[in-house]
Amino acid sequence: MIVIDYIDGVNRPQQVTFDSYDTFVLSQQSCWHDIPDHFQATKVTINSHDLHYTGLYGNIYHFLLKQDLTQY
C-alpha cells in the first residue's frame, strides 16, 4: 500500500492511498486522481516504510521510479 500525505490548495493536510504500486502508476498514467501536481507532498510511505520524500506531488512518480522498492 502506498500512502501519500500532502497539503491541499487551502493548506489543509490530506491523504490519498493506493492499494499497490501498480495502482499508483495507473492513476498517474491515466489521470484518475484530481490532485494537482503543484500540491506539496509531506510524506510518502510504502507498506508502512517512510521513504523520506517531501516535494511536489507531481514528482512522486519519478521519485519512485528511482527507488529500489523490492525491499518493501
PDB file of N, CA and C in Angstrom:
ATOM      1  N   MET A   1       0.838  -1.178   0.000  1.00  0.00           N
ATOM      2  CA  MET A   1       0.000   0.000   0.000  1.00  0.00           C
ATOM      3  C   MET A   1       0.883   1.241   0.000  1.00  0.00           C
ATOM      4  N   ILE A   2       0.500   2.204  -0.791  1.00  0.00           N
ATOM      5  CA  ILE A   2       1.192   3.496  -0.827  1.00  0.00           C
ATOM      6  C   ILE A   2       0.276   4.536  -0.194  1.00  0.00           C
ATOM      7  N   VAL A   3       0.816   5.288   0.741  1.00  0.00           N
ATOM      8  CA  VAL A   3       0.075   6.371   1.394  1.00  0.00           C
ATOM      9  C   VAL A   3       0.848   7.656   1.155  1.00  0.00           C
ATOM     10  N   ILE A   4       0.150   8.665   0.646  1.00  0.00           N
ATOM     11  CA  ILE A   4       0.772   9.957   0.367  1.00  0.00           C
ATOM     12  C   ILE A   4       0.041  11.023   1.150  1.00  0.00           C
ATOM     13  N   ASP A   5       0.787  11.730   1.987  1.00  0.00           N
ATOM     14  CA  ASP A   5       0.254  12.882   2.714  1.00  0.00           C
ATOM     15  C   ASP A   5       0.659  14.124   1.933  1.00  0.00           C
ATOM     16  N   TYR A   6      -0.278  15.054   1.804  1.00  0.00           N
ATOM     17  CA  TYR A   6       0.014  16.275   1.060  1.00  0.00           C
ATOM     18  C   TYR A   6      -0.812  17.430   1.610  1.00  0.00           C
ATOM     19  N   ILE A   7      -0.459  18.629   1.191  1.00  0.00           N
ATOM     20  CA  ILE A   7      -1.164  19.841   1.597  1.00  0.00           C
ATOM     21  C   ILE A   7      -2.003  20.307   0.403  1.00  0.00           C
ATOM     22  N   ASP A   8      -3.292  20.507   0.622  1.00  0.00           N
ATOM     23  CA  ASP A   8      -4.163  20.899  -0.489  1.00  0.00           C
ATOM     24  C   ASP A   8      -4.096  22.406  -0.746  1.00  0.00           C
ATOM     25  N   GLY A   9      -4.952  22.881  -1.639  1.00  0.00           N
ATOM     26  CA  GLY A   9      -4.924  24.274  -2.067  1.00  0.00           C
ATOM     27  C   GLY A   9      -5.270  25.302  -1.008  1.00  0.00           C
ATOM     28  N   VAL A  10      -5.893  24.865   0.084  1.00  0.00           N
ATOM     29  CA  VAL A  10      -6.205  25.794   1.179  1.00  0.00           C
ATOM     30  C   VAL A  10      -5.405  25.430   2.434  1.00  0.00           C
ATOM     31  N   ASN A  11      -4.257  24.825   2.221  1.00  0.00           N
ATOM     32  CA  ASN A  11      -3.299  24.490   3.283  1.00  0.00           C
ATOM     33  C   ASN A  11      -3.833  23.515   4.328  1.00  0.00           C
ATOM     34  N   ARG A  12      -4.708  22.610   3.913  1.00  0.00           N
ATOM     35  CA  ARG A  12      -5.181  21.557   4.806  1.00  0.00           C
ATOM     36  C   ARG A  12      -4.439  20.268   4.500  1.00  0.00           C
ATOM     37  N   PRO A  13      -4.038  19.525   5.513  1.00  0.00           N
ATOM     38  CA  PRO A  13      -3.406  18.232   5.266  1.00  0.00           C
ATOM     39  C   PRO A  13      -4.433  17.238   4.715  1.00  0.00           C
ATOM     40  N   GLN A  14      -4.024  16.497   3.707  1.00  0.00           N
ATOM     41  CA  GLN A  14      -4.865  15.477   3.083  1.00  0.00           C
ATOM     42  C   GLN A  14      -4.049  14.199   2.936  1.00  0.00           C
ATOM     43  N   GLN A  15      -4.737  13.117   2.644  1.00  0.00           N
ATOM     44  CA  GLN A  15      -4.057  11.841   2.468  1.00  0.00           C
ATOM     45  C   GLN A  15      -4.764  11.050   1.371  1.00  0.00           C
ATOM     46  N   VAL A  16      -3.967  10.411   0.533  1.00  0.00           N
ATOM     47  CA  VAL A  16      -4.504   9.542  -0.503  1.00  0.00           C
ATOM     48  C   VAL A  16      -3.781   8.202  -0.393  1.00  0.00           C
ATOM     49  N   THR A  17      -4.508   7.109  -0.616  1.00  0.00           N
ATOM     50  CA  THR A  17      -3.907   5.779  -0.526  1.00  0.00           C
ATOM     51  C   THR A  17      -4.142   5.017  -1.824  1.00  0.00           C
ATOM     52  N   PHE A  18      -3.199   4.149  -2.116  1.00  0.00           N
ATOM     53  CA  PHE A  18      -3.277   3.269  -3.272  1.00  0.00           C
ATOM     54  C   PHE A  18      -3.001   1.857  -2.787  1.00  0.00           C
ATOM     55  N   ASP A  19      -3.745   0.908  -3.296  1.00  0.00           N
ATOM     56  CA  ASP A  19      -3.608  -0.482  -2.858  1.00  0.00           C
ATOM     57  C   ASP A  19      -2.241  -1.074  -3.172  1.00  0.00           C
ATOM     58  N   SER A  20      -1.616  -0.584  -4.242  1.00  0.00           N
ATOM     59  CA  SER A  20      -0.325  -1.133  -4.659  1.00  0.00           C
ATOM     60  C   SER A  20       0.425  -0.098  -5.487  1.00  0.00           C
ATOM     61  N   TYR A  21       1.678  -0.392  -5.747  1.00  0.00           N
ATOM     62  CA  TYR A  21       2.482   0.471  -6.620  1.00  0.00           C
ATOM     63  C   TYR A  21       1.849   0.530  -8.005  1.00  0.00           C
ATOM     64  N   ASP A  22       1.383  -0.609  -8.504  1.00  0.00           N
ATOM     65  CA  ASP A  22       0.771  -0.654  -9.834  1.00  0.00           C
ATOM     66  C   ASP A  22      -0.472   0.237  -9.916  1.00  0.00           C
ATOM     67  N   THR A  23      -1.255   0.261  -8.858  1.00  0.00           N
ATOM     68  CA  THR A  23      -2.437   1.119  -8.827  1.00  0.00           C
ATOM     69  C   THR A  23      -2.035   2.584  -8.863  1.00  0.00           C
ATOM     70  N   PHE A  24      -0.969   2.933  -8.139  1.00  0.00           N
ATOM     71  CA  PHE A  24      -0.468   4.306  -8.163  1.00  0.00           C
ATOM     72  C   PHE A  24      -0.024   4.678  -9.574  1.00  0.00           C
ATOM     73  N   VAL A  25       0.733   3.807 -10.229  1.00  0.00           N
ATOM     74  CA  VAL A  25       1.217   4.078 -11.581  1.00  0.00           C
ATOM     75  C   VAL A  25       0.037   4.260 -12.542  1.00  0.00           C
ATOM     76  N   LEU A  26      -0.948   3.383 -12.446  1.00  0.00           N
ATOM     77  CA  LEU A  26      -2.135   3.516 -13.297  1.00  0.00           C
ATOM     78  C   LEU A  26      -2.833   4.852 -13.084  1.00  0.00           C
ATOM     79  N   SER A  27      -2.924   5.285 -11.834  1.00  0.00           N
ATOM     80  CA  SER A  27      -3.589   6.555 -11.550  1.00  0.00           C
ATOM     81  C   SER A  27      -2.820   7.725 -12.147  1.00  0.00           C
ATOM     82  N   GLN A  28      -1.502   7.626 -12.160  1.00  0.00           N
ATOM     83  CA  GLN A  28      -0.687   8.689 -12.728  1.00  0.00           C
ATOM     84  C   GLN A  28      -0.780   8.708 -14.255  1.00  0.00           C
ATOM     85  N   GLN A  29      -0.721   7.551 -14.852  1.00  0.00           N
ATOM     86  CA  GLN A  29      -0.714   7.467 -16.312  1.00  0.00           C
ATOM     87  C   GLN A  29      -2.080   7.747 -16.928  1.00  0.00           C
ATOM     88  N   SER A  30      -3.141   7.467 -16.194  1.00  0.00           N
ATOM     89  CA  SER A  30      -4.479   7.668 -16.748  1.00  0.00           C
ATOM     90  C   SER A  30      -5.200   8.864 -16.128  1.00  0.00           C
ATOM     91  N   CYS A  31      -4.521   9.598 -15.264  1.00  0.00           N
ATOM     92  CA  CYS A  31      -5.082  10.794 -14.612  1.00  0.00           C
ATOM     93  C   CYS A  31      -6.373  10.492 -13.860  1.00  0.00           C
ATOM     94  N   TRP A  32      -6.392   9.383 -13.108  1.00  0.00           N
ATOM     95  CA  TRP A  32      -7.553   9.025 -12.301  1.00  0.00           C
ATOM     96  C   TRP A  32      -7.752   9.960 -11.122  1.00  0.00           C
ATOM     97  N   HIS A  33      -6.691  10.546 -10.658  1.00  0.00           N
ATOM     98  CA  HIS A  33      -6.785  11.375  -9.450  1.00  0.00           C
ATOM     99  C   HIS A  33      -7.006  12.832  -9.828  1.00  0.00           C
ATOM    100  N   ASP A  34      -7.480  13.597  -8.895  1.00  0.00           N
ATOM    101  CA  ASP A  34      -7.711  15.022  -9.135  1.00  0.00           C
ATOM    102  C   ASP A  34      -6.793  15.884  -8.268  1.00  0.00           C
ATOM    103  N   ILE A  35      -5.624  15.362  -7.969  1.00  0.00           N
ATOM    104  CA  ILE A  35      -4.662  16.090  -7.134  1.00  0.00           C
ATOM    105  C   ILE A  35      -3.688  16.825  -8.054  1.00  0.00           C
ATOM    106  N   PRO A  36      -3.674  18.148  -8.003  1.00  0.00           N
ATOM    107  CA  PRO A  36      -2.764  18.900  -8.864  1.00  0.00           C
ATOM    108  C   PRO A  36      -1.295  18.596  -8.556  1.00  0.00           C
ATOM    109  N   ASP A  37      -0.496  18.594  -9.596  1.00  0.00           N
ATOM    110  CA  ASP A  37       0.923  18.287  -9.453  1.00  0.00           C
ATOM    111  C   ASP A  37       1.666  19.276  -8.567  1.00  0.00           C
ATOM    112  N   HIS A  38       1.158  20.499  -8.443  1.00  0.00           N
ATOM    113  CA  HIS A  38       1.879  21.518  -7.663  1.00  0.00           C
ATOM    114  C   HIS A  38       1.605  21.447  -6.156  1.00  0.00           C
ATOM    115  N   PHE A  39       0.720  20.565  -5.716  1.00  0.00           N
ATOM    116  CA  PHE A  39       0.495  20.412  -4.276  1.00  0.00           C
ATOM    117  C   PHE A  39       1.746  19.826  -3.625  1.00  0.00           C
ATOM    118  N   GLN A  40       2.021  20.242  -2.408  1.00  0.00           N
ATOM    119  CA  GLN A  40       3.207  19.815  -1.678  1.00  0.00           C
ATOM    120  C   GLN A  40       2.956  18.487  -0.960  1.00  0.00           C
ATOM    121  N   ALA A  41       3.736  17.478  -1.296  1.00  0.00           N
ATOM    122  CA  ALA A  41       3.676  16.200  -0.582  1.00  0.00           C
ATOM    123  C   ALA A  41       4.563  16.299   0.647  1.00  0.00           C
ATOM    124  N   THR A  42       4.056  15.815   1.772  1.00  0.00           N
ATOM    125  CA  THR A  42       4.810  15.916   3.020  1.00  0.00           C
ATOM    126  C   THR A  42       5.361  14.574   3.485  1.00  0.00           C
ATOM    127  N   LYS A  43       4.774  13.478   2.972  1.00  0.00           N
ATOM    128  CA  LYS A  43       5.235  12.152   3.383  1.00  0.00           C
ATOM    129  C   LYS A  43       4.735  11.112   2.389  1.00  0.00           C
ATOM    130  N   VAL A  44       5.612  10.157   2.066  1.00  0.00           N
ATOM    131  CA  VAL A  44       5.228   9.033   1.216  1.00  0.00           C
ATOM    132  C   VAL A  44       5.669   7.759   1.925  1.00  0.00           C
ATOM    133  N   THR A  45       4.736   6.833   2.107  1.00  0.00           N
ATOM    134  CA  THR A  45       5.076   5.556   2.730  1.00  0.00           C
ATOM    135  C   THR A  45       4.629   4.412   1.825  1.00  0.00           C
ATOM    136  N   ILE A  46       5.418   3.359   1.834  1.00  0.00           N
ATOM    137  CA  ILE A  46       5.063   2.125   1.139  1.00  0.00           C
ATOM    138  C   ILE A  46       5.099   1.013   2.168  1.00  0.00           C
ATOM    139  N   ASN A  47       3.966   0.357   2.341  1.00  0.00           N
ATOM    140  CA  ASN A  47       3.837  -0.712   3.336  1.00  0.00           C
ATOM    141  C   ASN A  47       4.394  -0.286   4.689  1.00  0.00           C
ATOM    142  N   SER A  48       4.023   0.901   5.109  1.00  0.00           N
ATOM    143  CA  SER A  48       4.398   1.500   6.407  1.00  0.00           C
ATOM    144  C   SER A  48       5.864   1.929   6.504  1.00  0.00           C
ATOM    145  N   HIS A  49       6.619   1.882   5.421  1.00  0.00           N
ATOM    146  CA  HIS A  49       8.012   2.340   5.416  1.00  0.00           C
ATOM    147  C   HIS A  49       8.078   3.751   4.838  1.00  0.00           C
ATOM    148  N   ASP A  50       8.558   4.691   5.642  1.00  0.00           N
ATOM    149  CA  ASP A  50       8.669   6.079   5.219  1.00  0.00           C
ATOM    150  C   ASP A  50       9.805   6.206   4.205  1.00  0.00           C
ATOM    151  N   LEU A  51       9.504   6.791   3.044  1.00  0.00           N
ATOM    152  CA  LEU A  51      10.526   6.971   2.011  1.00  0.00           C
ATOM    153  C   LEU A  51      11.221   8.316   2.121  1.00  0.00           C
ATOM    154  N   HIS A  52      10.875   9.109   3.111  1.00  0.00           N
ATOM    155  CA  HIS A  52      11.509  10.406   3.373  1.00  0.00           C
ATOM    156  C   HIS A  52      11.447  11.316   2.151  1.00  0.00           C
ATOM    157  N   TYR A  53      10.280  11.369   1.527  1.00  0.00           N
ATOM    158  CA  TYR A  53      10.076  12.259   0.385  1.00  0.00           C
ATOM    159  C   TYR A  53       9.267  13.463   0.811  1.00  0.00           C
ATOM    160  N   THR A  54       9.746  14.637   0.455  1.00  0.00           N
ATOM    161  CA  THR A  54       8.960  15.859   0.518  1.00  0.00           C
ATOM    162  C   THR A  54       9.232  16.588  -0.790  1.00  0.00           C
ATOM    163  N   GLY A  55       8.203  17.101  -1.365  1.00  0.00           N
ATOM    164  CA  GLY A  55       8.334  17.788  -2.644  1.00  0.00           C
ATOM    165  C   GLY A  55       6.979  17.840  -3.323  1.00  0.00           C
ATOM    166  N   LEU A  56       6.991  18.149  -4.590  1.00  0.00           N
ATOM    167  CA  LEU A  56       5.749  18.279  -5.328  1.00  0.00           C
ATOM    168  C   LEU A  56       5.095  16.924  -5.573  1.00  0.00           C
ATOM    169  N   TYR A  57       3.770  16.917  -5.497  1.00  0.00           N
ATOM    170  CA  TYR A  57       3.031  15.685  -5.746  1.00  0.00           C
ATOM    171  C   TYR A  57       3.352  15.149  -7.138  1.00  0.00           C
ATOM    172  N   GLY A  58       3.480  16.027  -8.093  1.00  0.00           N
ATOM    173  CA  GLY A  58       3.752  15.627  -9.462  1.00  0.00           C
ATOM    174  C   GLY A  58       5.096  14.966  -9.672  1.00  0.00           C
ATOM    175  N   ASN A  59       6.002  15.094  -8.730  1.00  0.00           N
ATOM    176  CA  ASN A  59       7.335  14.487  -8.855  1.00  0.00           C
ATOM    177  C   ASN A  59       7.443  13.125  -8.163  1.00  0.00           C
ATOM    178  N   ILE A  60       6.403  12.697  -7.472  1.00  0.00           N
ATOM    179  CA  ILE A  60       6.467  11.424  -6.739  1.00  0.00           C
ATOM    180  C   ILE A  60       6.677  10.248  -7.685  1.00  0.00           C
ATOM    181  N   TYR A  61       5.989  10.237  -8.804  1.00  0.00           N
ATOM    182  CA  TYR A  61       6.124   9.138  -9.766  1.00  0.00           C
ATOM    183  C   TYR A  61       7.584   8.959 -10.180  1.00  0.00           C
ATOM    184  N   HIS A  62       8.244  10.040 -10.547  1.00  0.00           N
ATOM    185  CA  HIS A  62       9.651   9.956 -10.970  1.00  0.00           C
ATOM    186  C   HIS A  62      10.560   9.585  -9.800  1.00  0.00           C
ATOM    187  N   PHE A  63      10.240  10.061  -8.611  1.00  0.00           N
ATOM    188  CA  PHE A  63      10.997   9.695  -7.418  1.00  0.00           C
ATOM    189  C   PHE A  63      10.922   8.183  -7.187  1.00  0.00           C
ATOM    190  N   LEU A  64       9.729   7.627  -7.286  1.00  0.00           N
ATOM    191  CA  LEU A  64       9.555   6.191  -7.043  1.00  0.00           C
ATOM    192  C   LEU A  64      10.237   5.346  -8.113  1.00  0.00           C
ATOM    193  N   LEU A  65      10.296   5.848  -9.340  1.00  0.00           N
ATOM    194  CA  LEU A  65      10.987   5.112 -10.400  1.00  0.00           C
ATOM    195  C   LEU A  65      12.463   4.887 -10.071  1.00  0.00           C
ATOM    196  N   LYS A  66      13.043   5.798  -9.315  1.00  0.00           N
ATOM    197  CA  LYS A  66      14.467   5.735  -8.978  1.00  0.00           C
ATOM    198  C   LYS A  66      14.751   4.924  -7.710  1.00  0.00           C
ATOM    199  N   GLN A  67      13.705   4.470  -7.035  1.00  0.00           N
ATOM    200  CA  GLN A  67      13.883   3.751  -5.772  1.00  0.00           C
ATOM    201  C   GLN A  67      13.882   2.244  -5.993  1.00  0.00           C
ATOM    202  N   ASP A  68      14.616   1.549  -5.137  1.00  0.00           N
ATOM    203  CA  ASP A  68      14.573   0.092  -5.118  1.00  0.00           C
ATOM    204  C   ASP A  68      13.422  -0.330  -4.197  1.00  0.00           C
ATOM    205  N   LEU A  69      12.279  -0.579  -4.772  1.00  0.00           N
ATOM    206  CA  LEU A  69      11.086  -0.876  -3.977  1.00  0.00           C
ATOM    207  C   LEU A  69      10.969  -2.343  -3.624  1.00  0.00           C
ATOM    208  N   THR A  70      11.892  -3.165  -4.070  1.00  0.00           N
ATOM    209  CA  THR A  70      11.809  -4.610  -3.792  1.00  0.00           C
ATOM    210  C   THR A  70      11.946  -4.909  -2.301  1.00  0.00           C
ATOM    211  N   GLN A  71      12.604  -4.029  -1.565  1.00  0.00           N
ATOM    212  CA  GLN A  71      12.787  -4.249  -0.134  1.00  0.00           C
ATOM    213  C   GLN A  71      11.510  -4.001   0.670  1.00  0.00           C
ATOM    214  N   TYR A  72      10.507  -3.408   0.049  1.00  0.00           N
ATOM    215  CA  TYR A  72       9.260  -3.103   0.746  1.00  0.00           C
ATOM    216  C   TYR A  72       8.174  -4.056   0.346  1.00  0.00           C
TER     217      TYR A  72
END
